[in-house]
Protein backbone atom coordinates (compact mmCIF):
# COMPACT_ATOMS: atom_id res chain seq x y z
CA MET A 1 -11.03 -27.27 17.35
CA PHE A 2 -7.92 -25.72 15.76
CA LEU A 3 -10.03 -23.65 13.37
CA LYS A 4 -12.24 -22.54 16.26
CA ILE A 5 -9.18 -21.37 18.22
CA ARG A 6 -7.88 -19.52 15.15
CA ARG A 7 -11.24 -17.75 14.75
CA ILE A 8 -11.19 -16.73 18.41
CA GLN A 9 -7.62 -15.39 18.02
CA ALA A 10 -8.53 -13.41 14.92
CA SER A 11 -11.60 -11.97 16.62
CA TRP A 12 -9.54 -10.99 19.67
CA ILE A 13 -6.94 -9.26 17.50
CA ARG A 14 -9.66 -7.41 15.58
CA ARG A 15 -11.65 -6.32 18.62
CA VAL A 16 -8.84 -5.59 21.09
CA ILE A 17 -5.34 -5.34 19.63
CA TYR A 18 -6.05 -3.37 16.47
CA PRO A 19 -8.20 -0.69 18.17
CA LEU A 20 -5.39 -0.19 20.71
CA LEU A 21 -2.87 0.03 17.88
CA VAL A 22 -4.78 2.60 15.87
CA ALA A 23 -5.51 4.50 19.05
CA GLY A 24 -1.76 4.87 19.38
CA LEU A 25 -1.46 5.98 15.76
CA GLY A 26 -4.25 8.50 16.01
CA GLY A 27 -3.93 9.40 19.65
CA TYR A 28 -2.22 12.70 18.95
CA ALA A 29 -5.34 13.78 17.07
CA GLY A 30 -7.39 13.33 20.25
CA LEU A 31 -9.32 10.43 21.70
CA GLY A 32 -12.57 12.08 20.63
CA ASN A 33 -11.73 11.08 17.05
CA LEU A 34 -11.92 7.37 17.85
CA TYR A 35 -15.08 5.55 16.79
CA ALA A 36 -16.78 8.74 15.64
CA GLY A 37 -19.42 6.89 13.65
CA ILE A 38 -19.26 3.56 11.86
CA THR A 39 -18.90 5.16 8.40
CA ASN A 40 -16.89 8.23 9.45
CA SER A 41 -19.62 10.33 7.80
CA PHE A 42 -19.06 8.85 4.35
CA ASP A 43 -22.12 7.97 2.29
CA LEU A 44 -21.89 4.27 1.39
CA SER A 45 -25.37 3.96 -0.10
CA ASP A 46 -24.06 3.68 -3.67
CA SER A 47 -20.91 1.68 -2.89
CA LEU A 48 -19.48 -0.60 -5.58
CA VAL A 49 -18.62 -3.10 -2.85
CA PRO A 50 -21.00 -4.35 -0.14
CA ALA A 51 -21.22 -1.64 2.51
CA ALA A 52 -21.39 -4.32 5.21
CA GLU A 53 -17.89 -5.42 4.22
CA ILE A 54 -16.40 -1.95 4.72
CA HIS A 55 -14.98 -1.93 8.24
CA HIS A 56 -14.26 0.91 10.62
CA GLY A 57 -10.56 0.76 11.42
CA GLY A 58 -10.66 2.80 14.62
CA PRO A 59 -9.77 6.46 13.99
CA ASP A 60 -12.08 9.01 12.45
CA ARG A 61 -11.27 10.33 8.99
CA ASP A 62 -7.80 11.94 9.14
CA GLY A 63 -7.22 10.35 12.56
CA ILE A 64 -4.24 8.88 10.72
CA PRO A 65 -3.07 12.15 9.14
CA ALA A 66 -1.84 12.31 5.56
CA ILE A 67 1.31 14.32 4.89
CA ASP A 68 0.31 17.34 2.81
CA ARG A 69 3.52 19.37 3.04
CA PRO A 70 6.31 16.82 2.73
CA VAL A 71 9.81 17.97 3.64
CA PHE A 72 12.75 16.25 1.95
CA ILE A 73 16.41 15.90 2.86
CA THR A 74 19.46 14.52 1.05
CA ALA A 75 20.51 10.88 1.23
CA GLY A 76 23.48 11.89 3.36
CA GLU A 77 21.22 13.60 5.86
CA ALA A 78 18.96 10.57 6.26
CA ASP A 79 21.01 9.09 9.11
CA PHE A 80 17.87 7.60 10.66
CA LEU A 81 17.71 4.99 7.88
CA ARG A 82 19.60 1.69 7.83
CA ASP A 83 20.37 -0.09 4.57
CA ASP A 84 17.79 -2.79 5.32
CA ASN A 85 14.94 -0.35 6.05
CA ALA A 86 12.03 -0.51 3.61
CA VAL A 87 11.33 2.47 1.36
CA LEU A 88 9.08 3.34 -1.55
CA GLY A 89 10.99 5.07 -4.33
CA ILE A 90 9.82 7.11 -7.32
CA ASP A 91 11.93 8.24 -10.29
CA ARG A 92 9.86 10.69 -12.34
CA ASN A 93 10.39 13.88 -14.32
CA GLY A 94 14.08 13.91 -13.48
CA MET A 95 13.41 13.71 -9.73
CA ARG A 96 14.14 10.83 -7.37
CA LYS A 97 12.40 10.57 -4.00
CA ALA A 98 12.33 7.93 -1.27
CA TYR A 99 9.51 7.51 1.25
CA PRO A 100 10.55 5.46 4.32
CA VAL A 101 7.94 2.89 5.26
CA ARG A 102 8.65 3.61 8.94
CA ILE A 103 7.10 7.05 8.33
CA LEU A 104 4.32 5.80 6.07
CA ASN A 105 3.21 3.34 8.78
CA TYR A 106 1.94 6.36 10.70
CA HIS A 107 0.53 8.41 7.81
CA GLU A 108 -0.31 6.05 4.89
CA ILE A 109 -0.67 8.91 2.37
CA VAL A 110 1.69 11.60 1.07
CA ASN A 111 0.36 14.27 -1.31
CA ASP A 112 3.37 15.30 -3.37
CA ARG A 113 4.51 16.81 -6.65
CA PHE A 114 7.03 15.74 -9.28
CA GLY A 115 7.48 18.83 -11.38
CA ARG A 116 4.21 19.44 -13.18
CA ASP A 117 2.63 16.20 -11.89
CA SER A 118 0.64 15.90 -8.67
CA ILE A 119 1.22 12.44 -7.22
CA VAL A 120 -0.38 10.66 -4.28
CA VAL A 121 1.79 8.06 -2.55
CA SER A 122 -0.16 5.47 -0.55
CA TYR A 123 0.87 2.66 1.76
CA CYS A 124 -1.36 0.14 3.52
CA PRO A 125 0.41 -1.48 6.50
CA LEU A 126 -2.18 -4.27 6.75
CA CYS A 127 -1.72 -5.34 3.11
CA GLY A 128 1.94 -4.37 2.77
CA THR A 129 1.07 -2.54 -0.43
CA GLY A 130 2.74 0.65 -1.59
CA MET A 131 1.14 2.28 -4.65
CA ALA A 132 1.48 5.70 -6.25
CA PHE A 133 -1.03 7.39 -8.53
CA VAL A 134 -1.44 10.48 -10.65
CA ALA A 135 -3.64 12.67 -8.45
CA ALA A 136 -5.56 14.19 -11.37
CA VAL A 137 -8.91 12.68 -12.36
CA ASP A 138 -10.52 13.99 -15.55
CA GLY A 139 -8.21 16.99 -15.44
CA THR A 140 -8.95 17.91 -11.81
CA VAL A 141 -6.18 17.51 -9.24
CA HIS A 142 -7.33 15.95 -5.97
CA ARG A 143 -5.83 15.87 -2.49
CA PHE A 144 -6.26 12.65 -0.58
CA GLY A 145 -6.70 11.71 3.07
CA VAL A 146 -7.08 8.55 5.14
CA SER A 147 -10.77 7.70 5.59
CA GLY A 148 -10.32 5.43 8.62
CA LEU A 149 -12.26 2.72 6.75
CA LEU A 150 -10.98 -0.51 5.20
CA TYR A 151 -12.19 -3.03 2.66
CA ASN A 152 -10.56 -6.47 2.60
CA ASN A 153 -8.06 -5.06 5.15
CA ASP A 154 -6.96 -2.49 2.55
CA VAL A 155 -6.92 1.24 3.18
CA LEU A 156 -9.69 3.35 1.69
CA LEU A 157 -8.50 6.80 0.64
CA TYR A 158 -10.84 9.72 0.17
CA ASP A 159 -10.47 12.85 -1.91
CA ARG A 160 -11.15 16.08 -0.09
CA GLU A 161 -12.83 17.74 -3.05
CA THR A 162 -15.78 15.35 -3.38
CA ASP A 163 -15.61 13.01 -0.34
CA SER A 164 -15.48 10.03 -2.67
CA LEU A 165 -13.95 6.86 -1.21
CA TRP A 166 -11.15 5.19 -3.18
CA SER A 167 -9.91 1.61 -2.86
CA GLN A 168 -6.13 1.51 -3.08
CA LEU A 169 -5.86 -1.97 -4.60
CA MET A 170 -8.89 -1.52 -6.86
CA LYS A 171 -7.45 1.83 -8.01
CA GLN A 172 -11.03 3.03 -8.19
CA ALA A 173 -13.57 5.22 -6.43
CA ILE A 174 -16.08 2.91 -4.80
CA SER A 175 -18.56 5.53 -3.55
CA GLY A 176 -19.38 9.20 -3.78
CA PRO A 177 -19.65 11.61 -6.74
CA LEU A 178 -16.62 10.04 -8.48
CA ARG A 179 -17.87 6.49 -8.05
CA GLY A 180 -16.40 4.28 -10.79
CA SER A 181 -13.58 6.69 -11.70
CA ARG A 182 -10.11 5.18 -11.82
CA LEU A 183 -6.67 6.30 -10.74
CA GLN A 184 -3.62 5.98 -12.99
CA GLN A 185 -0.95 3.95 -11.20
CA ILE A 186 2.69 4.89 -11.83
CA ALA A 187 5.85 2.81 -11.48
CA MET A 188 7.32 2.83 -7.99
CA SER A 189 10.03 0.75 -6.33
CA HIS A 190 9.26 -1.09 -3.10
CA THR A 191 12.72 -1.95 -1.88
CA ARG A 192 15.33 -1.37 0.81
CA TRP A 193 17.09 1.88 1.44
CA GLY A 194 20.54 0.53 0.60
CA ASP A 195 19.36 -0.65 -2.82
CA TRP A 196 17.52 2.56 -3.65
CA ARG A 197 20.42 4.76 -2.54
CA ARG A 198 22.93 2.77 -4.61
CA ARG A 199 20.78 3.12 -7.71
CA HIS A 200 19.87 6.77 -7.03
CA PRO A 201 22.58 8.50 -4.95
CA ASP A 202 21.01 11.89 -5.71
CA THR A 203 17.67 10.87 -4.19
CA ARG A 204 15.77 13.09 -1.80
CA VAL A 205 14.29 11.44 1.28
CA LEU A 206 11.05 12.17 3.11
CA SER A 207 12.11 13.71 6.41
CA MET A 208 10.85 12.80 9.86
CA ASP A 209 10.02 16.51 10.14
CA THR A 210 6.39 15.85 9.23
CA GLY A 211 4.74 18.32 11.57
CA PHE A 212 3.42 15.46 13.71
CA ASN A 213 4.76 13.96 16.93
CA ARG A 214 5.35 10.28 16.16
CA ASP A 215 8.00 7.76 17.16
CA TYR A 216 9.11 6.86 13.64
CA ARG A 217 11.95 4.70 14.97
CA ARG A 218 9.44 2.16 16.30
CA SER A 219 7.18 -0.01 14.14
CA PRO A 220 3.58 -0.16 15.37
CA TYR A 221 3.12 -3.39 13.37
CA ALA A 222 6.01 -5.44 14.79
CA GLY A 223 5.38 -9.15 14.22
CA TYR A 224 2.44 -8.63 11.87
CA GLU A 225 4.30 -9.71 8.73
CA GLN A 226 5.30 -13.04 10.25
CA SER A 227 1.83 -13.82 11.61
CA ASP A 228 -0.79 -15.57 9.50
CA SER A 229 -3.58 -13.66 11.29
CA LEU A 230 -5.48 -10.76 9.74
CA TYR A 231 -7.08 -7.91 11.67
CA PHE A 232 -10.38 -7.73 9.77
CA PRO A 233 -12.64 -10.18 7.91
CA MET A 234 -12.05 -10.90 4.25
CA ARG A 235 -14.74 -11.22 1.64
CA SER A 236 -13.49 -14.70 0.74
CA ALA A 237 -11.16 -17.29 2.22
CA VAL A 238 -7.43 -16.81 1.80
CA ASP A 239 -5.96 -19.04 -0.90
CA PRO A 240 -3.82 -21.57 1.02
CA ARG A 241 -1.17 -22.03 -1.68
CA TYR A 242 1.08 -19.55 0.11
CA HIS A 243 1.45 -17.99 3.54
CA PRO A 244 -1.03 -15.06 3.77
CA LYS A 245 1.87 -12.62 4.13
CA GLU A 246 3.99 -14.11 1.35
CA ARG A 247 5.17 -11.19 -0.76
CA VAL A 248 4.22 -11.09 -4.42
CA ILE A 249 4.81 -8.79 -7.35
CA GLY A 250 1.36 -8.09 -8.76
CA LEU A 251 0.86 -6.96 -12.34
CA THR A 252 -2.24 -5.97 -14.32
CA ILE A 253 -2.23 -5.54 -18.10
CA ASN A 254 -5.40 -4.80 -20.08
CA GLY A 255 -7.58 -6.08 -17.25
CA ALA A 256 -5.65 -9.34 -16.81
CA SER A 257 -3.65 -9.92 -13.62
CA LYS A 258 -0.70 -12.06 -12.64
CA ALA A 259 1.18 -12.60 -9.38
CA TYR A 260 4.86 -13.47 -9.05
CA PRO A 261 5.34 -14.86 -5.50
CA PHE A 262 8.76 -14.24 -3.98
CA ALA A 263 8.82 -17.92 -2.99
CA GLU A 264 8.74 -18.84 -6.68
CA LEU A 265 11.09 -16.10 -7.85
CA SER A 266 13.61 -17.22 -5.21
CA ARG A 267 13.96 -20.47 -7.15
CA THR A 268 15.17 -18.62 -10.26
CA ASP A 269 18.46 -16.86 -10.91
CA GLY A 270 16.68 -13.52 -10.55
CA GLU A 271 16.37 -12.82 -14.28
CA MET A 272 13.58 -14.33 -16.31
CA SER A 273 11.38 -13.74 -19.32
CA ASP A 274 7.63 -14.16 -19.45
CA ARG A 275 4.81 -13.56 -21.88
CA PHE A 276 1.56 -12.34 -20.43
CA ALA A 277 -1.52 -10.59 -21.82
CA GLY A 278 0.10 -10.44 -25.25
CA GLN A 279 3.27 -8.72 -24.03
CA ASP A 280 6.85 -9.89 -23.67
CA LEU A 281 8.08 -9.14 -20.18
CA ARG A 282 11.37 -9.21 -18.32
CA ILE A 283 11.26 -9.84 -14.58
CA HIS A 284 14.15 -8.79 -12.32
CA PHE A 285 14.13 -10.22 -8.79
CA ASP A 286 16.54 -9.17 -6.05
CA ALA A 287 16.40 -11.76 -3.28
CA GLU A 288 18.79 -9.86 -1.03
CA ASP A 289 16.79 -6.63 -1.04
CA ARG A 290 13.43 -8.42 -1.28
CA THR A 291 12.25 -6.50 -4.32
CA GLY A 292 11.60 -6.89 -8.02
CA ARG A 293 10.67 -5.07 -11.20
CA VAL A 294 8.82 -5.94 -14.39
CA LEU A 295 10.03 -4.39 -17.64
CA SER A 296 8.25 -4.24 -20.99
CA ALA A 297 9.88 -5.22 -24.28
CA ASP A 298 11.21 -1.68 -24.75
CA GLY A 299 12.88 -1.72 -21.33
CA SER A 300 10.47 0.63 -19.55
CA GLU A 301 9.34 -0.30 -16.04
CA LEU A 302 5.68 -1.24 -15.70
CA PRO A 303 3.58 -0.21 -12.70
CA THR A 304 3.47 -3.16 -10.32
CA THR A 305 2.37 -3.72 -6.74
CA ILE A 306 4.46 -5.54 -4.16
CA GLY A 307 2.36 -6.68 -1.24
CA TYR A 308 1.00 -9.63 0.69
CA TRP A 309 -0.40 -12.65 -1.12
CA PHE A 310 -3.74 -12.56 0.72
CA ALA A 311 -4.38 -8.97 -0.42
CA TRP A 312 -3.50 -9.52 -4.07
CA GLN A 313 -5.57 -12.70 -4.23
CA ALA A 314 -8.56 -11.02 -2.57
CA PHE A 315 -8.71 -8.20 -5.11
CA HIS A 316 -7.64 -10.34 -8.09
CA PRO A 317 -9.31 -13.72 -7.53
CA ASP A 318 -8.81 -14.67 -11.19
CA SER A 319 -5.13 -13.72 -11.19
CA ARG A 320 -2.70 -16.07 -12.81
CA VAL A 321 0.19 -17.14 -10.60
CA TYR A 322 3.75 -17.71 -11.74
CA THR A 323 5.36 -20.97 -10.64
CA ALA A 324 9.07 -21.61 -11.11
CA PRO A 325 10.10 -24.55 -13.27
C-alpha cells in the first residue's frame, strides 16, 4: 500500500506540479511554447538511449532560455548573494567567474568565454548537477540551448548548429548529426558564495541583468532537495543505499567511475587520500560549505560532478562508492 501511495504521489507531481513549475519558468516566452510537440521537433530516430525514455519537460525548446550574452559584475556589487547561496565557480585562463545557482535555476545554460576558450556552463535543477564543458567539438565551436527534454530527469542540451541533443551527465551527443561525439568537461567548483569569494576575491559574478524578467530571489524548486520524490521516471530503480538527493562527488577516470557521498565524507576529517583507476588522489571535503574537490598527484584539480545520488547512480550504474572507515 505504501509503495502504491508513493507511485500515486510521484505521478501527481509529474503530471501536475512539474508542468505548473515549468510553465512559470517559461511563461515569459509565451504559453504557446508549452507542449509544442512531444519531441520539440528533435529527431530521436537514431538516439543512443531509448526514445521512449526521453521525456518532455513542459516548455518548447528555448522555453527555458539560455544566457547567450552574460553580464558580469564585481564581487562587491553582488549584494543579492548571501554567503550560503550556492554558486558554480570557474578559474580558467587567469579569469575567475561565479554563476549563482539562483539564476541558473531559470536558465540552465550559459554560453560564455574564458579568453580564447568558449565554455558552456550547464546546471540541471532536477539532478543538482553543475557541469562545464569546452564548447568546441572537433574544432568547431557550438552554442547550446535548452531542449525542453529530459533523460533520467537530467537536462538535454542541444547545439544550435546541428540540432544534436546532448546528455549533460553522459557528456555525449545522443542524437542528431553529432551523435556519439563527446564534450570535454572542465574543473568547476560547486560551492557556496562565501567560500568562493574568500578563495577568489577578484571573481566576477553573473549579474541578474540577464535580459529576462525573472524573480531570481525566489527558488522555483523549494523543498525539492529534501524530498525523496522525482518528477519523471527513471530507467532503473534508485539504489536505496542513500537518500535519492544525497549529494555526491562523482569522478570518472579512463572510463571508470567513483562516487564520494557527502554522508561518508562527513565521517572523515575532510582530508583523505585514495587510489582509483591507477591514480593517486587527494580528496578535500568542506562540510561547512557542502563542497569538495579531487586533486591528482601533481596537485591539479580534476573535473568532478557534484550532484544527487540518484542521478549519478543512474548514469554510472557500475560506479564504485567510497565508504568511510
